[in-house]
Amino acid sequence: MTLPRRVFLQLVAGAAVLPAVSRVAWAENWPARPVHWIISFPPGGANDIIARIIGQRLSDDLGQQFVIENKPGAGGNIGMQFALGAAPDGYTIAFVGPNNAISATLYEKLSFDFIRDSVPVAGMMRLTNVMMVHPSFPAKTLAEFIAYAKANPGKVNFASAGIGTSPHLSGELLKAMAGINIVHVPYRGAAPALTDVLAGQVPVLFDNLPSSLPHIRDGALRALGVTAAKRAPSLPDVPPIAETLPGYEANVWYGIAVPKGTSPEIVDKLNKAVNAVLADPKIQTRLADLGGDPMPLTPAEFGKLVADETDKWGRVIRAAGIKAE
């Protein structure tokens, strides 16, 4: 049946007004179906571990499944491109970490601008990276490692979860501040990097603490230092790298963003849901077991953190002349 032109135009006009007048009701009903949470790294890494902990509680609290989808590659940019290209309806959310602040400068040509194309939602967790060596490596301390690296320039390899990740830049910052030449070996995520370092294929690893903590505790890897400015409660005997290199600091932080255009009401509802999860003592204990602290933030506070970290790592990358391969 063909609609009269006047009726058709009335329907179009009504549809155009609908989002403005009904978005509060839309937000109240959100989520009405599963939410897809895009993790830009493979299963087994810190991002994946944290997302599954928080995601399960969000599923329980909000009554819809938060489906974890791992989309690794290009230092986390493939997954983020996918997430930010999704419909801004609250049913695709993105796991955000330091790699997103780093990539803004490291990659000259990205198909998206993270700050421009995303809406900050919530902070989740703050933790540290850790520098580790295989037990067969001769250095027992960071000072001994630096001395060994200086005596063997270009002969020591270090692994990370990939180019442009926080562990990668933690290693690059060490190189610059210690004046050593160690060679980066990027992997497609923390899990394959751990596999090769545990097997002795690569002697050194920079990694987020949660995925490596069990291997440090059982002696399979030797921790030389944490990248945060203070000791991690879960590794009280491991000193900060800053105790050997004053001024060194590389923090890790995790949060959530959604595509630009997502309803403010949905952003607010998800922010409150995440902060409620972080206030649960059981969740706080699980995060502490992984070496991290809950980081509840408003959307504006999380947006400022991302902007500040983007500026910081941009200066480091430009000063060191680091390029994505």
C-alpha atoms as a PDB file:
ATOM      1  CA  MET A   1       0.000   0.000   0.000  1.00  0.00           C
ATOM      2  CA  THR A   2       1.297   3.483  -0.927  1.00  0.00           C
ATOM      3  CA  LEU A   3       0.975   6.072   1.813  1.00  0.00           C
ATOM      4  CA  PRO A   4      -0.309   9.554   0.931  1.00  0.00           C
ATOM      5  CA  ARG A   5       2.582  12.032   0.845  1.00  0.00           C
ATOM      6  CA  ARG A   6       1.167  14.073   3.769  1.00  0.00           C
ATOM      7  CA  VAL A   7       0.841  10.985   5.998  1.00  0.00           C
ATOM      8  CA  PHE A   8       4.314   9.779   5.032  1.00  0.00           C
ATOM      9  CA  LEU A   9       5.863  13.150   5.942  1.00  0.00           C
ATOM     10  CA  GLN A  10       4.033  13.147   9.259  1.00  0.00           C
ATOM     11  CA  LEU A  11       5.427   9.709  10.064  1.00  0.00           C
ATOM     12  CA  VAL A  12       8.971  10.800   9.134  1.00  0.00           C
ATOM     13  CA  ALA A  13       8.657  13.912  11.274  1.00  0.00           C
ATOM     14  CA  GLY A  14       7.368  11.865  14.173  1.00  0.00           C
ATOM     15  CA  ALA A  15      10.266   9.420  13.838  1.00  0.00           C
ATOM     16  CA  ALA A  16      12.762  12.293  13.853  1.00  0.00           C
ATOM     17  CA  VAL A  17      11.332  13.637  17.104  1.00  0.00           C
ATOM     18  CA  LEU A  18      11.036  10.230  18.779  1.00  0.00           C
ATOM     19  CA  PRO A  19      14.646   9.853  19.963  1.00  0.00           C
ATOM     20  CA  ALA A  20      14.567  13.229  21.695  1.00  0.00           C
ATOM     21  CA  VAL A  21      11.288  12.652  23.524  1.00  0.00           C
ATOM     22  CA  SER A  22      11.800   8.994  24.381  1.00  0.00           C
ATOM     23  CA  ARG A  23      15.488   8.605  25.146  1.00  0.00           C
ATOM     24  CA  VAL A  24      14.887   8.677  28.906  1.00  0.00           C
ATOM     25  CA  ALA A  25      12.425   5.798  28.566  1.00  0.00           C
ATOM     26  CA  TRP A  26      14.865   4.084  26.203  1.00  0.00           C
ATOM     27  CA  ALA A  27      17.601   4.373  28.837  1.00  0.00           C
ATOM     28  CA  GLU A  28      15.296   3.054  31.538  1.00  0.00           C
ATOM     29  CA  ASN A  29      14.710  -0.069  29.429  1.00  0.00           C
ATOM     30  CA  TRP A  30      18.407  -0.489  28.620  1.00  0.00           C
ATOM     31  CA  PRO A  31      19.719  -3.132  28.396  1.00  0.00           C
ATOM     32  CA  ALA A  32      16.874  -5.015  26.747  1.00  0.00           C
ATOM     33  CA  ARG A  33      19.202  -7.477  25.008  1.00  0.00           C
ATOM     34  CA  PRO A  34      22.825  -8.676  25.396  1.00  0.00           C
ATOM     35  CA  VAL A  35      25.575  -6.057  25.436  1.00  0.00           C
ATOM     36  CA  HIS A  36      28.724  -6.801  23.440  1.00  0.00           C
ATOM     37  CA  TRP A  37      31.922  -5.771  25.231  1.00  0.00           C
ATOM     38  CA  ILE A  38      34.820  -5.465  22.800  1.00  0.00           C
ATOM     39  CA  ILE A  39      38.236  -6.401  24.229  1.00  0.00           C
ATOM     40  CA  SER A  40      41.015  -5.437  21.807  1.00  0.00           C
ATOM     41  CA  PHE A  41      43.398  -8.190  22.941  1.00  0.00           C
ATOM     42  CA  PRO A  42      43.300 -12.015  23.010  1.00  0.00           C
ATOM     43  CA  PRO A  43      41.895 -14.061  25.892  1.00  0.00           C
ATOM     44  CA  GLY A  44      44.178 -14.586  28.874  1.00  0.00           C
ATOM     45  CA  GLY A  45      45.597 -11.082  29.230  1.00  0.00           C
ATOM     46  CA  ALA A  46      44.820  -8.580  31.971  1.00  0.00           C
ATOM     47  CA  ASN A  47      42.171  -6.773  29.891  1.00  0.00           C
ATOM     48  CA  ASP A  48      40.313 -10.019  29.311  1.00  0.00           C
ATOM     49  CA  ILE A  49      40.581 -11.121  32.943  1.00  0.00           C
ATOM     50  CA  ILE A  50      39.219  -7.842  34.315  1.00  0.00           C
ATOM     51  CA  ALA A  51      36.441  -7.620  31.728  1.00  0.00           C
ATOM     52  CA  ARG A  52      35.178 -11.084  32.630  1.00  0.00           C
ATOM     53  CA  ILE A  53      35.122 -10.258  36.343  1.00  0.00           C
ATOM     54  CA  ILE A  54      33.284  -6.949  35.890  1.00  0.00           C
ATOM     55  CA  GLY A  55      31.164  -8.239  33.005  1.00  0.00           C
ATOM     56  CA  GLN A  56      29.750 -11.151  35.001  1.00  0.00           C
ATOM     57  CA  ARG A  57      28.605  -8.813  37.762  1.00  0.00           C
ATOM     58  CA  LEU A  58      27.104  -6.353  35.285  1.00  0.00           C
ATOM     59  CA  SER A  59      25.226  -9.277  33.704  1.00  0.00           C
ATOM     60  CA  ASP A  60      23.855 -10.263  37.105  1.00  0.00           C
ATOM     61  CA  ASP A  61      22.976  -6.720  38.167  1.00  0.00           C
ATOM     62  CA  LEU A  62      21.448  -5.480  34.904  1.00  0.00           C
ATOM     63  CA  GLY A  63      19.712  -8.681  33.856  1.00  0.00           C
ATOM     64  CA  GLN A  64      21.291  -9.022  30.422  1.00  0.00           C
ATOM     65  CA  GLN A  65      24.427 -10.852  29.361  1.00  0.00           C
ATOM     66  CA  PHE A  66      27.570  -8.783  28.820  1.00  0.00           C
ATOM     67  CA  VAL A  67      29.199 -10.806  26.052  1.00  0.00           C
ATOM     68  CA  ILE A  68      33.002 -10.573  25.945  1.00  0.00           C
ATOM     69  CA  GLU A  69      34.299 -10.393  22.370  1.00  0.00           C
ATOM     70  CA  ASN A  70      38.070 -10.507  21.818  1.00  0.00           C
ATOM     71  CA  LYS A  71      39.150  -8.675  18.659  1.00  0.00           C
ATOM     72  CA  PRO A  72      42.979  -8.387  18.826  1.00  0.00           C
ATOM     73  CA  GLY A  73      45.461  -6.828  16.451  1.00  0.00           C
ATOM     74  CA  ALA A  74      47.428  -3.650  15.666  1.00  0.00           C
ATOM     75  CA  GLY A  75      48.111  -2.768  19.294  1.00  0.00           C
ATOM     76  CA  GLY A  76      44.425  -2.848  20.140  1.00  0.00           C
ATOM     77  CA  ASN A  77      43.327  -0.615  17.272  1.00  0.00           C
ATOM     78  CA  ILE A  78      41.385  -3.255  15.327  1.00  0.00           C
ATOM     79  CA  GLY A  79      39.035  -3.916  18.218  1.00  0.00           C
ATOM     80  CA  MET A  80      38.619  -0.236  19.021  1.00  0.00           C
ATOM     81  CA  GLN A  81      37.850   0.600  15.392  1.00  0.00           C
ATOM     82  CA  PHE A  82      35.157  -2.060  15.433  1.00  0.00           C
ATOM     83  CA  ALA A  83      33.678  -0.832  18.735  1.00  0.00           C
ATOM     84  CA  LEU A  84      33.585   2.847  17.777  1.00  0.00           C
ATOM     85  CA  GLY A  85      32.056   1.999  14.407  1.00  0.00           C
ATOM     86  CA  ALA A  86      29.098   0.254  16.034  1.00  0.00           C
ATOM     87  CA  ALA A  87      25.666   1.797  16.440  1.00  0.00           C
ATOM     88  CA  PRO A  88      25.619   4.269  19.367  1.00  0.00           C
ATOM     89  CA  ASP A  89      22.793   2.447  21.121  1.00  0.00           C
ATOM     90  CA  GLY A  90      24.528   1.160  24.250  1.00  0.00           C
ATOM     91  CA  TYR A  91      24.755  -2.412  23.000  1.00  0.00           C
ATOM     92  CA  THR A  92      28.435  -2.230  22.001  1.00  0.00           C
ATOM     93  CA  ILE A  93      30.911  -0.967  24.579  1.00  0.00           C
ATOM     94  CA  ALA A  94      34.693  -0.773  24.464  1.00  0.00           C
ATOM     95  CA  PHE A  95      37.361  -1.756  26.985  1.00  0.00           C
ATOM     96  CA  VAL A  96      39.741   1.217  27.256  1.00  0.00           C
ATOM     97  CA  GLY A  97      43.345   1.137  28.450  1.00  0.00           C
ATOM     98  CA  PRO A  98      46.674   2.946  28.083  1.00  0.00           C
ATOM     99  CA  ASN A  99      47.147   1.567  24.553  1.00  0.00           C
ATOM    100  CA  ASN A 100      44.372   3.888  23.396  1.00  0.00           C
ATOM    101  CA  ALA A 101      46.211   6.923  24.775  1.00  0.00           C
ATOM    102  CA  ILE A 102      49.488   5.679  23.267  1.00  0.00           C
ATOM    103  CA  SER A 103      48.111   4.865  19.817  1.00  0.00           C
ATOM    104  CA  ALA A 104      46.923   8.422  19.269  1.00  0.00           C
ATOM    105  CA  THR A 105      50.550   9.459  18.695  1.00  0.00           C
ATOM    106  CA  LEU A 106      52.226   6.173  17.817  1.00  0.00           C
ATOM    107  CA  TYR A 107      50.103   5.519  14.739  1.00  0.00           C
ATOM    108  CA  GLU A 108      50.173   8.256  12.125  1.00  0.00           C
ATOM    109  CA  LYS A 109      47.121   7.059  10.215  1.00  0.00           C
ATOM    110  CA  LEU A 110      44.266   5.618  12.225  1.00  0.00           C
ATOM    111  CA  SER A 111      40.764   5.371  10.824  1.00  0.00           C
ATOM    112  CA  PHE A 112      39.425   6.847  14.061  1.00  0.00           C
ATOM    113  CA  ASP A 113      40.312   9.484  16.634  1.00  0.00           C
ATOM    114  CA  PHE A 114      39.670   7.885  19.999  1.00  0.00           C
ATOM    115  CA  ILE A 115      38.911  11.057  21.959  1.00  0.00           C
ATOM    116  CA  ARG A 116      36.792  12.539  19.165  1.00  0.00           C
ATOM    117  CA  ASP A 117      34.874   9.356  18.310  1.00  0.00           C
ATOM    118  CA  SER A 118      34.172   7.972  21.780  1.00  0.00           C
ATOM    119  CA  VAL A 119      32.252   8.924  24.898  1.00  0.00           C
ATOM    120  CA  PRO A 120      33.930   8.153  28.240  1.00  0.00           C
ATOM    121  CA  VAL A 121      31.745   6.103  30.558  1.00  0.00           C
ATOM    122  CA  ALA A 122      33.579   4.851  33.643  1.00  0.00           C
ATOM    123  CA  GLY A 123      36.901   3.964  35.185  1.00  0.00           C
ATOM    124  CA  MET A 124      37.392   0.432  36.464  1.00  0.00           C
ATOM    125  CA  MET A 125      40.833  -0.376  37.805  1.00  0.00           C
ATOM    126  CA  ARG A 126      44.302   1.025  38.333  1.00  0.00           C
ATOM    127  CA  LEU A 127      47.345  -1.233  38.518  1.00  0.00           C
ATOM    128  CA  THR A 128      50.954  -1.565  37.454  1.00  0.00           C
ATOM    129  CA  ASN A 129      53.001  -3.281  34.807  1.00  0.00           C
ATOM    130  CA  VAL A 130      55.859  -5.499  35.879  1.00  0.00           C
ATOM    131  CA  MET A 131      59.245  -6.257  34.355  1.00  0.00           C
ATOM    132  CA  MET A 132      60.219  -9.937  34.541  1.00  0.00           C
ATOM    133  CA  VAL A 133      62.977 -12.219  33.353  1.00  0.00           C
ATOM    134  CA  HIS A 134      63.220 -15.970  32.862  1.00  0.00           C
ATOM    135  CA  PRO A 135      64.912 -17.596  35.896  1.00  0.00           C
ATOM    136  CA  SER A 136      67.902 -18.517  33.707  1.00  0.00           C
ATOM    137  CA  PHE A 137      68.663 -14.854  33.001  1.00  0.00           C
ATOM    138  CA  PRO A 138      71.834 -13.805  34.862  1.00  0.00           C
ATOM    139  CA  ALA A 139      70.477 -10.545  36.363  1.00  0.00           C
ATOM    140  CA  LYS A 140      68.855 -10.770  39.790  1.00  0.00           C
ATOM    141  CA  THR A 141      68.108  -7.045  40.149  1.00  0.00           C
ATOM    142  CA  LEU A 142      67.271  -4.178  37.835  1.00  0.00           C
ATOM    143  CA  ALA A 143      70.698  -2.628  38.390  1.00  0.00           C
ATOM    144  CA  GLU A 144      72.317  -5.909  37.323  1.00  0.00           C
ATOM    145  CA  PHE A 145      70.015  -6.067  34.290  1.00  0.00           C
ATOM    146  CA  ILE A 146      70.989  -2.568  33.175  1.00  0.00           C
ATOM    147  CA  ALA A 147      74.672  -3.397  33.557  1.00  0.00           C
ATOM    148  CA  TYR A 148      74.216  -6.613  31.559  1.00  0.00           C
ATOM    149  CA  ALA A 149      72.290  -4.812  28.810  1.00  0.00           C
ATOM    150  CA  LYS A 150      74.964  -2.134  28.529  1.00  0.00           C
ATOM    151  CA  ALA A 151      77.613  -4.833  28.192  1.00  0.00           C
ATOM    152  CA  ASN A 152      75.530  -6.603  25.512  1.00  0.00           C
ATOM    153  CA  PRO A 153      73.913  -3.863  23.391  1.00  0.00           C
ATOM    154  CA  GLY A 154      71.256  -5.119  20.982  1.00  0.00           C
ATOM    155  CA  LYS A 155      71.525  -8.691  22.244  1.00  0.00           C
ATOM    156  CA  VAL A 156      68.737  -8.731  24.838  1.00  0.00           C
ATOM    157  CA  ASN A 157      65.149  -9.103  23.608  1.00  0.00           C
ATOM    158  CA  PHE A 158      62.064  -8.097  25.540  1.00  0.00           C
ATOM    159  CA  ALA A 159      58.529  -9.271  24.825  1.00  0.00           C
ATOM    160  CA  SER A 160      55.255  -7.415  25.201  1.00  0.00           C
ATOM    161  CA  ALA A 161      51.597  -7.836  24.286  1.00  0.00           C
ATOM    162  CA  GLY A 162      52.130  -5.804  21.124  1.00  0.00           C
ATOM    163  CA  ILE A 163      53.281  -2.561  19.575  1.00  0.00           C
ATOM    164  CA  GLY A 164      51.704   0.440  21.248  1.00  0.00           C
ATOM    165  CA  THR A 165      50.598  -1.396  24.368  1.00  0.00           C
ATOM    166  CA  SER A 166      51.368  -0.108  27.838  1.00  0.00           C
ATOM    167  CA  PRO A 167      53.920  -2.914  28.481  1.00  0.00           C
ATOM    168  CA  HIS A 168      55.708  -2.010  25.226  1.00  0.00           C
ATOM    169  CA  LEU A 169      55.976   1.663  26.168  1.00  0.00           C
ATOM    170  CA  SER A 170      57.057   0.700  29.690  1.00  0.00           C
ATOM    171  CA  GLY A 171      60.018  -1.080  28.107  1.00  0.00           C
ATOM    172  CA  GLU A 172      60.743   1.819  25.766  1.00  0.00           C
ATOM    173  CA  LEU A 173      60.707   4.240  28.681  1.00  0.00           C
ATOM    174  CA  LEU A 174      63.209   2.015  30.508  1.00  0.00           C
ATOM    175  CA  LYS A 175      65.439   1.943  27.422  1.00  0.00           C
ATOM    176  CA  ALA A 176      65.438   5.729  27.192  1.00  0.00           C
ATOM    177  CA  MET A 177      65.997   6.455  30.861  1.00  0.00           C
ATOM    178  CA  ALA A 178      68.624   3.722  31.434  1.00  0.00           C
ATOM    179  CA  GLY A 179      70.447   4.376  28.162  1.00  0.00           C
ATOM    180  CA  ILE A 180      70.349   0.729  27.073  1.00  0.00           C
ATOM    181  CA  ASN A 181      69.706  -0.977  23.730  1.00  0.00           C
ATOM    182  CA  ILE A 182      67.271  -3.854  24.162  1.00  0.00           C
ATOM    183  CA  VAL A 183      65.137  -5.145  21.291  1.00  0.00           C
ATOM    184  CA  HIS A 184      61.345  -5.216  21.384  1.00  0.00           C
ATOM    185  CA  VAL A 185      59.607  -8.435  20.303  1.00  0.00           C
ATOM    186  CA  PRO A 186      55.865  -7.742  19.913  1.00  0.00           C
ATOM    187  CA  TYR A 187      53.235 -10.450  20.290  1.00  0.00           C
ATOM    188  CA  ARG A 188      49.516 -10.573  19.585  1.00  0.00           C
ATOM    189  CA  GLY A 189      48.588 -10.356  23.240  1.00  0.00           C
ATOM    190  CA  ALA A 190      49.978 -11.178  26.670  1.00  0.00           C
ATOM    191  CA  ALA A 191      49.188 -14.906  26.593  1.00  0.00           C
ATOM    192  CA  PRO A 192      51.455 -15.822  23.634  1.00  0.00           C
ATOM    193  CA  ALA A 193      54.185 -13.540  24.980  1.00  0.00           C
ATOM    194  CA  LEU A 194      54.017 -15.296  28.342  1.00  0.00           C
ATOM    195  CA  THR A 195      54.183 -18.684  26.648  1.00  0.00           C
ATOM    196  CA  ASP A 196      57.472 -17.883  24.920  1.00  0.00           C
ATOM    197  CA  VAL A 197      59.068 -16.211  27.943  1.00  0.00           C
ATOM    198  CA  LEU A 198      58.085 -19.108  30.209  1.00  0.00           C
ATOM    199  CA  ALA A 199      59.676 -21.445  27.667  1.00  0.00           C
ATOM    200  CA  GLY A 200      62.877 -19.383  27.623  1.00  0.00           C
ATOM    201  CA  GLN A 201      62.456 -18.313  23.982  1.00  0.00           C
ATOM    202  CA  VAL A 202      62.617 -14.630  24.998  1.00  0.00           C
ATOM    203  CA  PRO A 203      64.405 -13.685  28.218  1.00  0.00           C
ATOM    204  CA  VAL A 204      62.529 -10.527  29.281  1.00  0.00           C
ATOM    205  CA  LEU A 205      58.855  -9.605  29.521  1.00  0.00           C
ATOM    206  CA  PHE A 206      56.950  -6.436  30.351  1.00  0.00           C
ATOM    207  CA  ASP A 207      53.347  -7.270  31.171  1.00  0.00           C
ATOM    208  CA  ASN A 208      50.289  -6.115  33.076  1.00  0.00           C
ATOM    209  CA  LEU A 209      50.539  -7.544  36.573  1.00  0.00           C
ATOM    210  CA  PRO A 210      47.300  -9.635  36.662  1.00  0.00           C
ATOM    211  CA  SER A 211      48.239 -12.037  33.878  1.00  0.00           C
ATOM    212  CA  SER A 212      51.806 -12.554  35.163  1.00  0.00           C
ATOM    213  CA  LEU A 213      51.254 -12.591  38.912  1.00  0.00           C
ATOM    214  CA  PRO A 214      50.675 -16.386  39.202  1.00  0.00           C
ATOM    215  CA  HIS A 215      53.927 -17.081  37.334  1.00  0.00           C
ATOM    216  CA  ILE A 216      55.862 -14.727  39.595  1.00  0.00           C
ATOM    217  CA  ARG A 217      54.421 -16.299  42.714  1.00  0.00           C
ATOM    218  CA  ASP A 218      55.263 -19.842  41.629  1.00  0.00           C
ATOM    219  CA  GLY A 219      58.820 -18.877  40.634  1.00  0.00           C
ATOM    220  CA  ALA A 220      58.421 -19.458  36.908  1.00  0.00           C
ATOM    221  CA  LEU A 221      59.374 -15.809  36.302  1.00  0.00           C
ATOM    222  CA  ARG A 222      61.567 -13.431  38.292  1.00  0.00           C
ATOM    223  CA  ALA A 223      60.177  -9.902  38.783  1.00  0.00           C
ATOM    224  CA  LEU A 224      62.807  -7.147  38.671  1.00  0.00           C
ATOM    225  CA  GLY A 225      60.549  -4.154  39.159  1.00  0.00           C
ATOM    226  CA  VAL A 226      57.056  -2.682  38.922  1.00  0.00           C
ATOM    227  CA  THR A 227      56.409   0.316  36.704  1.00  0.00           C
ATOM    228  CA  ALA A 228      54.218   2.249  39.161  1.00  0.00           C
ATOM    229  CA  ALA A 229      55.791   4.783  41.497  1.00  0.00           C
ATOM    230  CA  LYS A 230      55.159   2.639  44.581  1.00  0.00           C
ATOM    231  CA  ARG A 231      55.262  -1.054  45.435  1.00  0.00           C
ATOM    232  CA  ALA A 232      52.297  -3.232  44.596  1.00  0.00           C
ATOM    233  CA  PRO A 233      50.645  -4.762  47.697  1.00  0.00           C
ATOM    234  CA  SER A 234      50.488  -8.112  45.896  1.00  0.00           C
ATOM    235  CA  LEU A 235      54.278  -7.996  45.302  1.00  0.00           C
ATOM    236  CA  PRO A 236      55.637  -6.218  48.379  1.00  0.00           C
ATOM    237  CA  ASP A 237      59.187  -7.496  47.858  1.00  0.00           C
ATOM    238  CA  VAL A 238      59.469  -6.200  44.285  1.00  0.00           C
ATOM    239  CA  PRO A 239      60.747  -2.598  44.135  1.00  0.00           C
ATOM    240  CA  PRO A 240      59.492   0.071  41.756  1.00  0.00           C
ATOM    241  CA  ILE A 241      61.772   0.694  38.769  1.00  0.00           C
ATOM    242  CA  ALA A 242      61.892   4.274  40.056  1.00  0.00           C
ATOM    243  CA  GLU A 243      64.063   3.149  42.984  1.00  0.00           C
ATOM    244  CA  THR A 244      66.814   2.485  40.432  1.00  0.00           C
ATOM    245  CA  LEU A 245      65.765   5.098  37.847  1.00  0.00           C
ATOM    246  CA  PRO A 246      64.295   8.099  39.697  1.00  0.00           C
ATOM    247  CA  GLY A 247      61.394   9.649  37.853  1.00  0.00           C
ATOM    248  CA  TYR A 248      60.372   6.471  36.034  1.00  0.00           C
ATOM    249  CA  GLU A 249      56.614   5.827  36.174  1.00  0.00           C
ATOM    250  CA  ALA A 250      54.131   4.012  33.943  1.00  0.00           C
ATOM    251  CA  ASN A 251      50.686   3.410  35.363  1.00  0.00           C
ATOM    252  CA  VAL A 252      48.026   1.107  33.987  1.00  0.00           C
ATOM    253  CA  TRP A 253      44.349   2.017  34.051  1.00  0.00           C
ATOM    254  CA  TYR A 254      41.224   0.477  32.616  1.00  0.00           C
ATOM    255  CA  GLY A 255      37.803   1.867  31.794  1.00  0.00           C
ATOM    256  CA  ILE A 256      34.845   1.793  29.456  1.00  0.00           C
ATOM    257  CA  ALA A 257      33.848   3.968  26.494  1.00  0.00           C
ATOM    258  CA  VAL A 258      31.014   3.871  23.972  1.00  0.00           C
ATOM    259  CA  PRO A 259      30.635   5.213  20.420  1.00  0.00           C
ATOM    260  CA  LYS A 260      30.024   8.927  20.002  1.00  0.00           C
ATOM    261  CA  GLY A 261      26.321   9.700  19.942  1.00  0.00           C
ATOM    262  CA  THR A 262      25.344   7.238  22.668  1.00  0.00           C
ATOM    263  CA  SER A 263      22.557   8.594  24.848  1.00  0.00           C
ATOM    264  CA  PRO A 264      23.800  10.460  27.961  1.00  0.00           C
ATOM    265  CA  GLU A 265      21.169   8.612  29.951  1.00  0.00           C
ATOM    266  CA  ILE A 266      22.619   5.233  28.943  1.00  0.00           C
ATOM    267  CA  VAL A 267      26.132   6.485  29.731  1.00  0.00           C
ATOM    268  CA  ASP A 268      24.962   7.584  33.169  1.00  0.00           C
ATOM    269  CA  LYS A 269      23.165   4.297  33.849  1.00  0.00           C
ATOM    270  CA  LEU A 270      26.212   2.224  32.869  1.00  0.00           C
ATOM    271  CA  ASN A 271      28.514   4.468  34.899  1.00  0.00           C
ATOM    272  CA  LYS A 272      26.406   3.974  38.007  1.00  0.00           C
ATOM    273  CA  ALA A 273      26.236   0.216  37.409  1.00  0.00           C
ATOM    274  CA  VAL A 274      30.025  -0.066  37.071  1.00  0.00           C
ATOM    275  CA  ASN A 275      30.643   2.061  40.173  1.00  0.00           C
ATOM    276  CA  ALA A 276      28.209  -0.106  42.133  1.00  0.00           C
ATOM    277  CA  VAL A 277      30.172  -3.206  41.100  1.00  0.00           C
ATOM    278  CA  LEU A 278      33.437  -1.550  42.163  1.00  0.00           C
ATOM    279  CA  ALA A 279      31.961  -0.724  45.583  1.00  0.00           C
ATOM    280  CA  ASP A 280      31.350  -4.415  46.318  1.00  0.00           C
ATOM    281  CA  PRO A 281      33.948  -5.696  48.839  1.00  0.00           C
ATOM    282  CA  LYS A 282      34.059  -9.064  47.042  1.00  0.00           C
ATOM    283  CA  ILE A 283      35.009  -7.382  43.770  1.00  0.00           C
ATOM    284  CA  GLN A 284      37.559  -5.215  45.571  1.00  0.00           C
ATOM    285  CA  THR A 285      39.145  -8.351  47.011  1.00  0.00           C
ATOM    286  CA  ARG A 286      39.325  -9.975  43.566  1.00  0.00           C
ATOM    287  CA  LEU A 287      40.941  -6.874  42.092  1.00  0.00           C
ATOM    288  CA  ALA A 288      43.424  -6.727  44.988  1.00  0.00           C
ATOM    289  CA  ASP A 289      44.332 -10.364  44.357  1.00  0.00           C
ATOM    290  CA  LEU A 290      45.256  -9.292  40.818  1.00  0.00           C
ATOM    291  CA  GLY A 291      47.405  -6.448  42.099  1.00  0.00           C
ATOM    292  CA  GLY A 292      44.993  -3.623  41.357  1.00  0.00           C
ATOM    293  CA  ASP A 293      42.712  -1.081  42.996  1.00  0.00           C
ATOM    294  CA  PRO A 294      39.166  -0.120  41.970  1.00  0.00           C
ATOM    295  CA  MET A 295      39.021   3.198  40.108  1.00  0.00           C
ATOM    296  CA  PRO A 296      35.455   4.555  40.242  1.00  0.00           C
ATOM    297  CA  LEU A 297      35.200   7.754  38.197  1.00  0.00           C
ATOM    298  CA  THR A 298      32.542   9.937  36.634  1.00  0.00           C
ATOM    299  CA  PRO A 299      32.481  10.046  32.823  1.00  0.00           C
ATOM    300  CA  ALA A 300      34.107  13.485  32.930  1.00  0.00           C
ATOM    301  CA  GLU A 301      36.861  12.300  35.285  1.00  0.00           C
ATOM    302  CA  PHE A 302      37.613   9.299  33.121  1.00  0.00           C
ATOM    303  CA  GLY A 303      37.694  11.508  30.017  1.00  0.00           C
ATOM    304  CA  LYS A 304      40.254  13.793  31.684  1.00  0.00           C
ATOM    305  CA  LEU A 305      42.423  10.800  32.632  1.00  0.00           C
ATOM    306  CA  VAL A 306      42.466   9.610  29.013  1.00  0.00           C
ATOM    307  CA  ALA A 307      43.326  13.102  27.751  1.00  0.00           C
ATOM    308  CA  ASP A 308      46.146  13.542  30.283  1.00  0.00           C
ATOM    309  CA  GLU A 309      47.632  10.122  29.485  1.00  0.00           C
ATOM    310  CA  THR A 310      47.408  10.847  25.749  1.00  0.00           C
ATOM    311  CA  ASP A 311      49.461  14.003  26.255  1.00  0.00           C
ATOM    312  CA  LYS A 312      52.025  12.222  28.463  1.00  0.00           C
ATOM    313  CA  TRP A 313      52.707   9.303  26.140  1.00  0.00           C
ATOM    314  CA  GLY A 314      52.641  11.565  23.110  1.00  0.00           C
ATOM    315  CA  ARG A 315      55.599  13.467  24.550  1.00  0.00           C
ATOM    316  CA  VAL A 316      57.472  10.228  25.297  1.00  0.00           C
ATOM    317  CA  ILE A 317      56.869   8.785  21.821  1.00  0.00           C
ATOM    318  CA  ARG A 318      57.914  11.964  20.017  1.00  0.00           C
ATOM    319  CA  ALA A 319      61.022  12.434  22.171  1.00  0.00           C
ATOM    320  CA  ALA A 320      62.142   8.847  21.600  1.00  0.00           C
ATOM    321  CA  GLY A 321      61.202   8.807  17.928  1.00  0.00           C
ATOM    322  CA  ILE A 322      59.181   5.598  18.354  1.00  0.00           C
ATOM    323  CA  LYS A 323      57.319   4.451  15.262  1.00  0.00           C
ATOM    324  CA  ALA A 324      54.743   1.753  14.729  1.00  0.00           C
ATOM    325  CA  GLU A 325      55.971  -1.017  12.473  1.00  0.00           C
END
